[in-house]
Amino acid sequence: MKKLLIFGYGNPGRGDDAIGPLFVEHISRWNHEDVSCLSDMQLLVEHVADLHAHNETIVVDADMACTEPFEFLPIAPLKDESCTSHTLTPAGLLYVYQQAYQCDPPTAFLLRIRGYSFGLGDALSEKAACNLSAAVQFITQSYP
């Protein structure tokens, strides 16, 4: 049976950076038995254990440089500079998984949702809310 992990990360106190956790909040209402949801402020080494029980992972993050309304791209493991810091990139997380479990990580995708306002204390912008809705619709139609 295929098990999907949807992992949104970002800071809910910084405006559109809340997109990842908000995405997870929307998807968690889906109540699909083969879908697990997780959110955090950042990707950490400890999250490799969360990937382990899944065949596929979608990592969701706000991005101020991606195409509107969102981009959905495959992720490959990559040893990058994040592998030696306390936060990881999605590719760095997959690389750490490979090293920890000595096997290929689950198939993974990055869902980058366009954000605009990332100031401390900002609310989610209207444009980002529209992009978030489009991304939720895309995933719910792609993963029935």
C-alpha atoms as a PDB file:
ATOM      1  CA  MET A   1       0.000   0.000   0.000  1.00  0.00           C
ATOM      2  CA  LYS A   2       1.327   3.435  -0.951  1.00  0.00           C
ATOM      3  CA  LYS A   3       1.852   5.761   2.020  1.00  0.00           C
ATOM      4  CA  LEU A   4       2.176   9.496   1.377  1.00  0.00           C
ATOM      5  CA  LEU A   5       3.709  12.036   3.757  1.00  0.00           C
ATOM      6  CA  ILE A   6       2.836  15.680   3.240  1.00  0.00           C
ATOM      7  CA  PHE A   7       5.329  17.815   5.135  1.00  0.00           C
ATOM      8  CA  GLY A   8       4.838  21.564   5.227  1.00  0.00           C
ATOM      9  CA  TYR A   9       7.346  23.828   6.853  1.00  0.00           C
ATOM     10  CA  GLY A  10       7.603  27.526   7.568  1.00  0.00           C
ATOM     11  CA  ASN A  11       7.139  30.153  10.241  1.00  0.00           C
ATOM     12  CA  PRO A  12       3.479  30.970  10.967  1.00  0.00           C
ATOM     13  CA  GLY A  13       4.572  34.288  12.511  1.00  0.00           C
ATOM     14  CA  ARG A  14       6.089  35.605   9.281  1.00  0.00           C
ATOM     15  CA  GLY A  15       3.203  36.217   6.882  1.00  0.00           C
ATOM     16  CA  ASP A  16       3.336  34.092   3.751  1.00  0.00           C
ATOM     17  CA  ASP A  17       6.009  31.858   5.288  1.00  0.00           C
ATOM     18  CA  ALA A  18       3.034  30.146   6.972  1.00  0.00           C
ATOM     19  CA  ILE A  19       2.026  28.601   3.626  1.00  0.00           C
ATOM     20  CA  GLY A  20       3.636  25.195   4.349  1.00  0.00           C
ATOM     21  CA  PRO A  21       1.904  24.632   7.706  1.00  0.00           C
ATOM     22  CA  LEU A  22      -1.376  26.073   6.342  1.00  0.00           C
ATOM     23  CA  PHE A  23      -1.203  23.662   3.400  1.00  0.00           C
ATOM     24  CA  VAL A  24      -0.845  20.758   5.834  1.00  0.00           C
ATOM     25  CA  GLU A  25      -3.784  22.079   7.842  1.00  0.00           C
ATOM     26  CA  HIS A  26      -5.979  22.002   4.709  1.00  0.00           C
ATOM     27  CA  ILE A  27      -4.844  18.524   3.667  1.00  0.00           C
ATOM     28  CA  SER A  28      -5.237  17.078   7.184  1.00  0.00           C
ATOM     29  CA  ARG A  29      -8.985  17.701   6.882  1.00  0.00           C
ATOM     30  CA  TRP A  30      -8.926  15.297   3.946  1.00  0.00           C
ATOM     31  CA  ASN A  31      -8.761  12.319   6.372  1.00  0.00           C
ATOM     32  CA  HIS A  32      -7.245   9.980   3.802  1.00  0.00           C
ATOM     33  CA  GLU A  33      -5.997   6.834   5.577  1.00  0.00           C
ATOM     34  CA  ASP A  34      -2.847   6.530   3.425  1.00  0.00           C
ATOM     35  CA  VAL A  35      -1.800  10.165   3.897  1.00  0.00           C
ATOM     36  CA  SER A  36       0.160  11.438   6.890  1.00  0.00           C
ATOM     37  CA  CYS A  37       0.622  15.129   7.579  1.00  0.00           C
ATOM     38  CA  LEU A  38       3.474  16.849   9.373  1.00  0.00           C
ATOM     39  CA  SER A  39       4.460  20.473   9.813  1.00  0.00           C
ATOM     40  CA  ASP A  40       7.363  22.219  11.486  1.00  0.00           C
ATOM     41  CA  MET A  41       9.193  25.527  11.381  1.00  0.00           C
ATOM     42  CA  GLN A  42      12.157  24.042   9.476  1.00  0.00           C
ATOM     43  CA  LEU A  43      13.580  20.773   8.165  1.00  0.00           C
ATOM     44  CA  LEU A  44      15.757  19.017  10.735  1.00  0.00           C
ATOM     45  CA  VAL A  45      17.937  15.906  10.722  1.00  0.00           C
ATOM     46  CA  GLU A  46      15.377  14.254  12.992  1.00  0.00           C
ATOM     47  CA  HIS A  47      12.790  14.379  10.193  1.00  0.00           C
ATOM     48  CA  VAL A  48      14.493  11.528   8.312  1.00  0.00           C
ATOM     49  CA  ALA A  49      12.690   9.183  10.725  1.00  0.00           C
ATOM     50  CA  ASP A  50       9.358  10.711   9.632  1.00  0.00           C
ATOM     51  CA  LEU A  51      10.112   9.870   5.998  1.00  0.00           C
ATOM     52  CA  HIS A  52      10.962   6.249   6.735  1.00  0.00           C
ATOM     53  CA  ALA A  53       7.421   4.819   6.930  1.00  0.00           C
ATOM     54  CA  HIS A  54       6.349   6.369   3.604  1.00  0.00           C
ATOM     55  CA  ASN A  55       6.737   5.544  -0.086  1.00  0.00           C
ATOM     56  CA  GLU A  56       6.310   9.126  -1.225  1.00  0.00           C
ATOM     57  CA  THR A  57       6.808  12.551   0.317  1.00  0.00           C
ATOM     58  CA  ILE A  58       5.644  15.999  -0.716  1.00  0.00           C
ATOM     59  CA  VAL A  59       7.570  18.800   0.965  1.00  0.00           C
ATOM     60  CA  VAL A  60       5.658  22.102   0.943  1.00  0.00           C
ATOM     61  CA  ASP A  61       7.245  25.517   1.405  1.00  0.00           C
ATOM     62  CA  ALA A  62       6.587  29.161   0.610  1.00  0.00           C
ATOM     63  CA  ASP A  63       8.907  30.652  -1.994  1.00  0.00           C
ATOM     64  CA  MET A  64       9.179  34.247  -3.152  1.00  0.00           C
ATOM     65  CA  ALA A  65      11.096  33.327  -6.317  1.00  0.00           C
ATOM     66  CA  CYS A  66       8.992  30.553  -7.845  1.00  0.00           C
ATOM     67  CA  THR A  67       6.465  30.887 -10.633  1.00  0.00           C
ATOM     68  CA  GLU A  68       2.901  31.791  -9.625  1.00  0.00           C
ATOM     69  CA  PRO A  69       0.851  30.143  -8.299  1.00  0.00           C
ATOM     70  CA  PHE A  70       3.192  27.219  -7.437  1.00  0.00           C
ATOM     71  CA  GLU A  71       5.791  24.789  -8.781  1.00  0.00           C
ATOM     72  CA  PHE A  72       5.748  21.024  -8.236  1.00  0.00           C
ATOM     73  CA  LEU A  73       9.139  19.425  -8.852  1.00  0.00           C
ATOM     74  CA  PRO A  74      10.878  16.133  -8.037  1.00  0.00           C
ATOM     75  CA  ILE A  75      13.623  16.228  -5.397  1.00  0.00           C
ATOM     76  CA  ALA A  76      16.800  14.143  -5.540  1.00  0.00           C
ATOM     77  CA  PRO A  77      19.169  13.572  -2.618  1.00  0.00           C
ATOM     78  CA  LEU A  78      22.020  16.069  -2.631  1.00  0.00           C
ATOM     79  CA  LYS A  79      24.827  16.647  -0.173  1.00  0.00           C
ATOM     80  CA  ASP A  80      24.729  20.409   0.073  1.00  0.00           C
ATOM     81  CA  GLU A  81      25.933  22.905   2.641  1.00  0.00           C
ATOM     82  CA  SER A  82      22.759  22.430   4.678  1.00  0.00           C
ATOM     83  CA  CYS A  83      23.926  18.936   5.683  1.00  0.00           C
ATOM     84  CA  THR A  84      26.320  20.516   8.180  1.00  0.00           C
ATOM     85  CA  SER A  85      23.882  22.980   9.718  1.00  0.00           C
ATOM     86  CA  HIS A  86      20.901  22.732  12.059  1.00  0.00           C
ATOM     87  CA  THR A  87      18.417  23.210   9.194  1.00  0.00           C
ATOM     88  CA  LEU A  88      18.270  21.243   5.963  1.00  0.00           C
ATOM     89  CA  THR A  89      17.112  21.806   2.412  1.00  0.00           C
ATOM     90  CA  PRO A  90      14.670  19.210   1.066  1.00  0.00           C
ATOM     91  CA  ALA A  91      17.475  17.681  -1.056  1.00  0.00           C
ATOM     92  CA  GLY A  92      19.768  17.695   1.985  1.00  0.00           C
ATOM     93  CA  LEU A  93      17.108  15.897   4.033  1.00  0.00           C
ATOM     94  CA  LEU A  94      16.934  13.135   1.412  1.00  0.00           C
ATOM     95  CA  TYR A  95      20.725  12.867   1.406  1.00  0.00           C
ATOM     96  CA  VAL A  96      20.783  12.466   5.202  1.00  0.00           C
ATOM     97  CA  TYR A  97      18.062   9.810   4.861  1.00  0.00           C
ATOM     98  CA  GLN A  98      20.276   7.916   2.389  1.00  0.00           C
ATOM     99  CA  GLN A  99      23.201   8.058   4.783  1.00  0.00           C
ATOM    100  CA  ALA A 100      21.175   7.069   7.842  1.00  0.00           C
ATOM    101  CA  TYR A 101      19.267   4.144   6.311  1.00  0.00           C
ATOM    102  CA  GLN A 102      21.763   3.089   3.618  1.00  0.00           C
ATOM    103  CA  CYS A 103      19.004   2.936   1.003  1.00  0.00           C
ATOM    104  CA  ASP A 104      17.196   5.238  -1.388  1.00  0.00           C
ATOM    105  CA  PRO A 105      14.780   7.688   0.217  1.00  0.00           C
ATOM    106  CA  PRO A 106      11.091   7.675  -0.674  1.00  0.00           C
ATOM    107  CA  THR A 107      10.106   9.345  -3.915  1.00  0.00           C
ATOM    108  CA  ALA A 108       9.907  13.035  -3.080  1.00  0.00           C
ATOM    109  CA  PHE A 109       8.510  16.219  -4.566  1.00  0.00           C
ATOM    110  CA  LEU A 110       8.836  19.858  -3.598  1.00  0.00           C
ATOM    111  CA  LEU A 111       5.701  21.972  -3.780  1.00  0.00           C
ATOM    112  CA  ARG A 112       6.901  25.573  -3.816  1.00  0.00           C
ATOM    113  CA  ILE A 113       3.987  27.971  -3.349  1.00  0.00           C
ATOM    114  CA  ARG A 114       4.545  31.602  -4.297  1.00  0.00           C
ATOM    115  CA  GLY A 115       4.576  33.978  -1.346  1.00  0.00           C
ATOM    116  CA  TYR A 116       5.082  37.736  -1.257  1.00  0.00           C
ATOM    117  CA  SER A 117       5.148  39.090   2.284  1.00  0.00           C
ATOM    118  CA  PHE A 118       7.445  37.502   4.884  1.00  0.00           C
ATOM    119  CA  GLY A 119       7.673  40.216   7.534  1.00  0.00           C
ATOM    120  CA  LEU A 120       7.499  39.427  11.223  1.00  0.00           C
ATOM    121  CA  GLY A 121       3.871  39.642  12.331  1.00  0.00           C
ATOM    122  CA  ASP A 122       2.493  39.912   8.785  1.00  0.00           C
ATOM    123  CA  ALA A 123      -0.762  38.131   7.969  1.00  0.00           C
ATOM    124  CA  LEU A 124      -1.073  35.805   4.994  1.00  0.00           C
ATOM    125  CA  SER A 125      -1.365  37.987   1.881  1.00  0.00           C
ATOM    126  CA  GLU A 126      -4.400  37.702  -0.383  1.00  0.00           C
ATOM    127  CA  LYS A 127      -2.269  36.672  -3.356  1.00  0.00           C
ATOM    128  CA  ALA A 128      -0.539  33.962  -1.317  1.00  0.00           C
ATOM    129  CA  ALA A 129      -3.920  32.706  -0.065  1.00  0.00           C
ATOM    130  CA  CYS A 130      -5.052  32.323  -3.696  1.00  0.00           C
ATOM    131  CA  ASN A 131      -1.849  30.462  -4.562  1.00  0.00           C
ATOM    132  CA  LEU A 132      -2.309  28.215  -1.528  1.00  0.00           C
ATOM    133  CA  SER A 133      -5.864  27.367  -2.649  1.00  0.00           C
ATOM    134  CA  ALA A 134      -4.626  26.504  -6.150  1.00  0.00           C
ATOM    135  CA  ALA A 135      -1.933  24.209  -4.714  1.00  0.00           C
ATOM    136  CA  VAL A 136      -4.398  22.442  -2.390  1.00  0.00           C
ATOM    137  CA  GLN A 137      -6.737  21.877  -5.319  1.00  0.00           C
ATOM    138  CA  PHE A 138      -3.866  20.531  -7.450  1.00  0.00           C
ATOM    139  CA  ILE A 139      -2.760  18.013  -4.812  1.00  0.00           C
ATOM    140  CA  THR A 140      -6.273  16.842  -3.922  1.00  0.00           C
ATOM    141  CA  GLN A 141      -6.999  16.225  -7.616  1.00  0.00           C
ATOM    142  CA  SER A 142      -3.616  14.562  -8.250  1.00  0.00           C
ATOM    143  CA  TYR A 143      -3.836  12.264  -5.200  1.00  0.00           C
ATOM    144  CA  PRO A 144      -7.471  11.115  -5.021  1.00  0.00           C
END
